[in-house]
Amino acid sequence: MKRIAVLAGASFAAVVMTACAAPDYDRSRRNGDNPPVILNPGPATSSNLQGRSFTYGCEDLSTIVITEGSSSARAMLNSGLEMQLARQPSGSGFRYGGGSSPYEFVGSGTEAMWRVAGKSFRCRMK
């Protein structure tokens, strides 16, 4: 009886693990210690990053929606102000605007800083 229960449990685990596997994972393309090859990486490709939007709430009570593009981002504020911010090099995270623009949006993960003409406001992704 114990043997049947163990076999049933192992079979169930195998079915669950199969269901959790990436649909485009090709086991035959794995070579040595390198990670497996995913045939369709989806959002990780640069062309698919265009158009992703993120909403941030800032300490000055503004809400900013950032829509990523390939070389810039569009920022839309709840005040109605809308602008295009050029993508800037960043050590980690993201950085838009700055330079000759009085606006800059810098952050990493869910935390960001909205800078307007030298004033800084902390923001958090909603």
C-alpha atoms as a PDB file:
ATOM      1  CA  MET A   1       0.000   0.000   0.000  1.00  0.00           C
ATOM      2  CA  LYS A   2       2.880   2.363   0.857  1.00  0.00           C
ATOM      3  CA  ARG A   3       4.495   1.551  -2.465  1.00  0.00           C
ATOM      4  CA  ILE A   4       1.356   2.624  -4.374  1.00  0.00           C
ATOM      5  CA  ALA A   5       1.168   5.884  -2.413  1.00  0.00           C
ATOM      6  CA  VAL A   6       4.847   6.651  -3.129  1.00  0.00           C
ATOM      7  CA  LEU A   7       4.428   5.875  -6.838  1.00  0.00           C
ATOM      8  CA  ALA A   8       1.288   7.998  -7.033  1.00  0.00           C
ATOM      9  CA  GLY A   9       3.073  10.891  -5.301  1.00  0.00           C
ATOM     10  CA  ALA A  10       6.082  10.631  -7.636  1.00  0.00           C
ATOM     11  CA  SER A  11       3.807  10.514 -10.699  1.00  0.00           C
ATOM     12  CA  PHE A  12       1.913  13.581  -9.500  1.00  0.00           C
ATOM     13  CA  ALA A  13       5.184  15.468  -8.918  1.00  0.00           C
ATOM     14  CA  ALA A  14       6.385  14.584 -12.428  1.00  0.00           C
ATOM     15  CA  VAL A  15       3.136  15.885 -13.948  1.00  0.00           C
ATOM     16  CA  VAL A  16       3.362  19.136 -11.946  1.00  0.00           C
ATOM     17  CA  MET A  17       7.011  19.686 -12.930  1.00  0.00           C
ATOM     18  CA  THR A  18       6.188  19.078 -16.597  1.00  0.00           C
ATOM     19  CA  ALA A  19       3.365  21.607 -16.440  1.00  0.00           C
ATOM     20  CA  CYS A  20       5.709  24.218 -14.934  1.00  0.00           C
ATOM     21  CA  ALA A  21       8.370  23.866 -17.649  1.00  0.00           C
ATOM     22  CA  ALA A  22       8.690  26.704 -20.165  1.00  0.00           C
ATOM     23  CA  PRO A  23       6.728  25.781 -23.305  1.00  0.00           C
ATOM     24  CA  ASP A  24       9.580  26.780 -25.614  1.00  0.00           C
ATOM     25  CA  TYR A  25      12.318  24.970 -23.687  1.00  0.00           C
ATOM     26  CA  ASP A  26      14.271  22.675 -25.986  1.00  0.00           C
ATOM     27  CA  ARG A  27      16.096  20.036 -23.908  1.00  0.00           C
ATOM     28  CA  SER A  28      18.108  18.873 -26.938  1.00  0.00           C
ATOM     29  CA  ARG A  29      19.798  22.292 -27.213  1.00  0.00           C
ATOM     30  CA  ARG A  30      21.354  22.244 -23.745  1.00  0.00           C
ATOM     31  CA  ASN A  31      25.145  21.959 -23.933  1.00  0.00           C
ATOM     32  CA  GLY A  32      27.188  21.124 -20.859  1.00  0.00           C
ATOM     33  CA  ASP A  33      26.965  23.583 -17.980  1.00  0.00           C
ATOM     34  CA  ASN A  34      25.506  26.397 -20.056  1.00  0.00           C
ATOM     35  CA  PRO A  35      21.932  27.413 -19.297  1.00  0.00           C
ATOM     36  CA  PRO A  36      19.173  25.906 -21.429  1.00  0.00           C
ATOM     37  CA  VAL A  37      18.243  27.640 -24.655  1.00  0.00           C
ATOM     38  CA  ILE A  38      14.792  29.229 -24.601  1.00  0.00           C
ATOM     39  CA  LEU A  39      13.515  29.462 -28.166  1.00  0.00           C
ATOM     40  CA  ASN A  40      11.110  32.352 -27.551  1.00  0.00           C
ATOM     41  CA  PRO A  41      12.387  34.651 -24.785  1.00  0.00           C
ATOM     42  CA  GLY A  42       9.336  36.919 -25.037  1.00  0.00           C
ATOM     43  CA  PRO A  43       9.736  40.254 -23.212  1.00  0.00           C
ATOM     44  CA  ALA A  44      13.521  39.923 -22.934  1.00  0.00           C
ATOM     45  CA  THR A  45      14.056  40.938 -26.571  1.00  0.00           C
ATOM     46  CA  SER A  46      14.703  44.628 -27.198  1.00  0.00           C
ATOM     47  CA  SER A  47      11.911  44.970 -29.758  1.00  0.00           C
ATOM     48  CA  ASN A  48       9.362  43.708 -27.217  1.00  0.00           C
ATOM     49  CA  LEU A  49      10.489  46.199 -24.557  1.00  0.00           C
ATOM     50  CA  GLN A  50       8.981  49.075 -26.504  1.00  0.00           C
ATOM     51  CA  GLY A  51       5.613  50.067 -25.193  1.00  0.00           C
ATOM     52  CA  ARG A  52       5.874  48.644 -21.653  1.00  0.00           C
ATOM     53  CA  SER A  53       4.320  51.083 -19.179  1.00  0.00           C
ATOM     54  CA  PHE A  54       4.963  51.528 -15.466  1.00  0.00           C
ATOM     55  CA  THR A  55       3.039  53.739 -13.055  1.00  0.00           C
ATOM     56  CA  TYR A  56       4.793  55.486 -10.156  1.00  0.00           C
ATOM     57  CA  GLY A  57       3.358  57.466  -7.262  1.00  0.00           C
ATOM     58  CA  CYS A  58       5.638  60.238  -5.993  1.00  0.00           C
ATOM     59  CA  GLU A  59       5.947  62.039  -2.664  1.00  0.00           C
ATOM     60  CA  ASP A  60       4.796  65.332  -4.226  1.00  0.00           C
ATOM     61  CA  LEU A  61       1.498  63.467  -4.928  1.00  0.00           C
ATOM     62  CA  SER A  62       2.159  63.306  -8.657  1.00  0.00           C
ATOM     63  CA  THR A  63       1.521  60.122 -10.595  1.00  0.00           C
ATOM     64  CA  ILE A  64       3.883  59.405 -13.474  1.00  0.00           C
ATOM     65  CA  VAL A  65       3.292  56.817 -16.187  1.00  0.00           C
ATOM     66  CA  ILE A  66       6.540  55.887 -17.938  1.00  0.00           C
ATOM     67  CA  THR A  67       6.244  54.131 -21.306  1.00  0.00           C
ATOM     68  CA  GLU A  68       9.554  52.700 -22.513  1.00  0.00           C
ATOM     69  CA  GLY A  69      10.788  53.049 -26.059  1.00  0.00           C
ATOM     70  CA  SER A  70      13.987  51.861 -27.705  1.00  0.00           C
ATOM     71  CA  SER A  71      15.930  55.110 -27.146  1.00  0.00           C
ATOM     72  CA  SER A  72      13.598  57.177 -24.974  1.00  0.00           C
ATOM     73  CA  ALA A  73      10.607  57.037 -22.665  1.00  0.00           C
ATOM     74  CA  ARG A  74       7.364  58.964 -22.651  1.00  0.00           C
ATOM     75  CA  ALA A  75       6.426  60.429 -19.270  1.00  0.00           C
ATOM     76  CA  MET A  76       2.800  61.348 -18.615  1.00  0.00           C
ATOM     77  CA  LEU A  77       1.955  63.126 -15.362  1.00  0.00           C
ATOM     78  CA  ASN A  78      -1.456  63.332 -13.720  1.00  0.00           C
ATOM     79  CA  SER A  79      -1.185  67.151 -14.143  1.00  0.00           C
ATOM     80  CA  GLY A  80      -1.543  66.610 -17.905  1.00  0.00           C
ATOM     81  CA  LEU A  81       2.117  67.316 -18.673  1.00  0.00           C
ATOM     82  CA  GLU A  82       3.528  64.866 -21.211  1.00  0.00           C
ATOM     83  CA  MET A  83       7.132  64.683 -22.434  1.00  0.00           C
ATOM     84  CA  GLN A  84       9.666  62.524 -24.222  1.00  0.00           C
ATOM     85  CA  LEU A  85      12.815  61.786 -22.160  1.00  0.00           C
ATOM     86  CA  ALA A  86      15.979  60.455 -23.820  1.00  0.00           C
ATOM     87  CA  ARG A  87      17.422  57.222 -22.402  1.00  0.00           C
ATOM     88  CA  GLN A  88      20.760  57.878 -20.666  1.00  0.00           C
ATOM     89  CA  PRO A  89      23.517  55.459 -19.632  1.00  0.00           C
ATOM     90  CA  SER A  90      22.950  54.000 -16.184  1.00  0.00           C
ATOM     91  CA  GLY A  91      25.171  51.817 -14.009  1.00  0.00           C
ATOM     92  CA  SER A  92      22.139  49.785 -13.023  1.00  0.00           C
ATOM     93  CA  GLY A  93      18.444  50.374 -13.363  1.00  0.00           C
ATOM     94  CA  PHE A  94      17.259  53.139 -15.690  1.00  0.00           C
ATOM     95  CA  ARG A  95      17.781  56.826 -16.364  1.00  0.00           C
ATOM     96  CA  TYR A  96      15.710  59.059 -18.638  1.00  0.00           C
ATOM     97  CA  GLY A  97      16.090  62.778 -19.308  1.00  0.00           C
ATOM     98  CA  GLY A  98      18.654  64.990 -17.648  1.00  0.00           C
ATOM     99  CA  GLY A  99      21.344  66.712 -19.692  1.00  0.00           C
ATOM    100  CA  SER A 100      19.762  69.808 -21.227  1.00  0.00           C
ATOM    101  CA  SER A 101      16.283  68.769 -20.033  1.00  0.00           C
ATOM    102  CA  PRO A 102      15.065  70.091 -16.655  1.00  0.00           C
ATOM    103  CA  TYR A 103      13.311  66.724 -16.151  1.00  0.00           C
ATOM    104  CA  GLU A 104      14.958  63.460 -15.126  1.00  0.00           C
ATOM    105  CA  PHE A 105      13.567  60.103 -14.013  1.00  0.00           C
ATOM    106  CA  VAL A 106      16.112  57.735 -12.439  1.00  0.00           C
ATOM    107  CA  GLY A 107      15.588  54.461 -10.632  1.00  0.00           C
ATOM    108  CA  SER A 108      16.068  50.787 -10.126  1.00  0.00           C
ATOM    109  CA  GLY A 109      13.406  48.161  -9.536  1.00  0.00           C
ATOM    110  CA  THR A 110      10.342  49.681  -7.895  1.00  0.00           C
ATOM    111  CA  GLU A 111      12.100  52.788  -6.539  1.00  0.00           C
ATOM    112  CA  ALA A 112      12.707  55.959  -8.579  1.00  0.00           C
ATOM    113  CA  MET A 113      13.556  59.639  -8.274  1.00  0.00           C
ATOM    114  CA  TRP A 114      11.706  62.321 -10.263  1.00  0.00           C
ATOM    115  CA  ARG A 115      13.786  65.475 -10.652  1.00  0.00           C
ATOM    116  CA  VAL A 116      12.319  68.748 -11.872  1.00  0.00           C
ATOM    117  CA  ALA A 117      14.562  71.800 -12.235  1.00  0.00           C
ATOM    118  CA  GLY A 118      16.861  70.688  -9.402  1.00  0.00           C
ATOM    119  CA  LYS A 119      14.109  69.481  -7.012  1.00  0.00           C
ATOM    120  CA  SER A 120      13.955  65.739  -6.280  1.00  0.00           C
ATOM    121  CA  PHE A 121      10.914  63.649  -5.348  1.00  0.00           C
ATOM    122  CA  ARG A 122      10.998  59.973  -4.335  1.00  0.00           C
ATOM    123  CA  CYS A 123       8.662  57.693  -6.257  1.00  0.00           C
ATOM    124  CA  ARG A 124       7.521  54.096  -5.908  1.00  0.00           C
ATOM    125  CA  MET A 125       5.994  51.812  -8.524  1.00  0.00           C
ATOM    126  CA  LYS A 126       2.279  51.228  -7.962  1.00  0.00           C
END
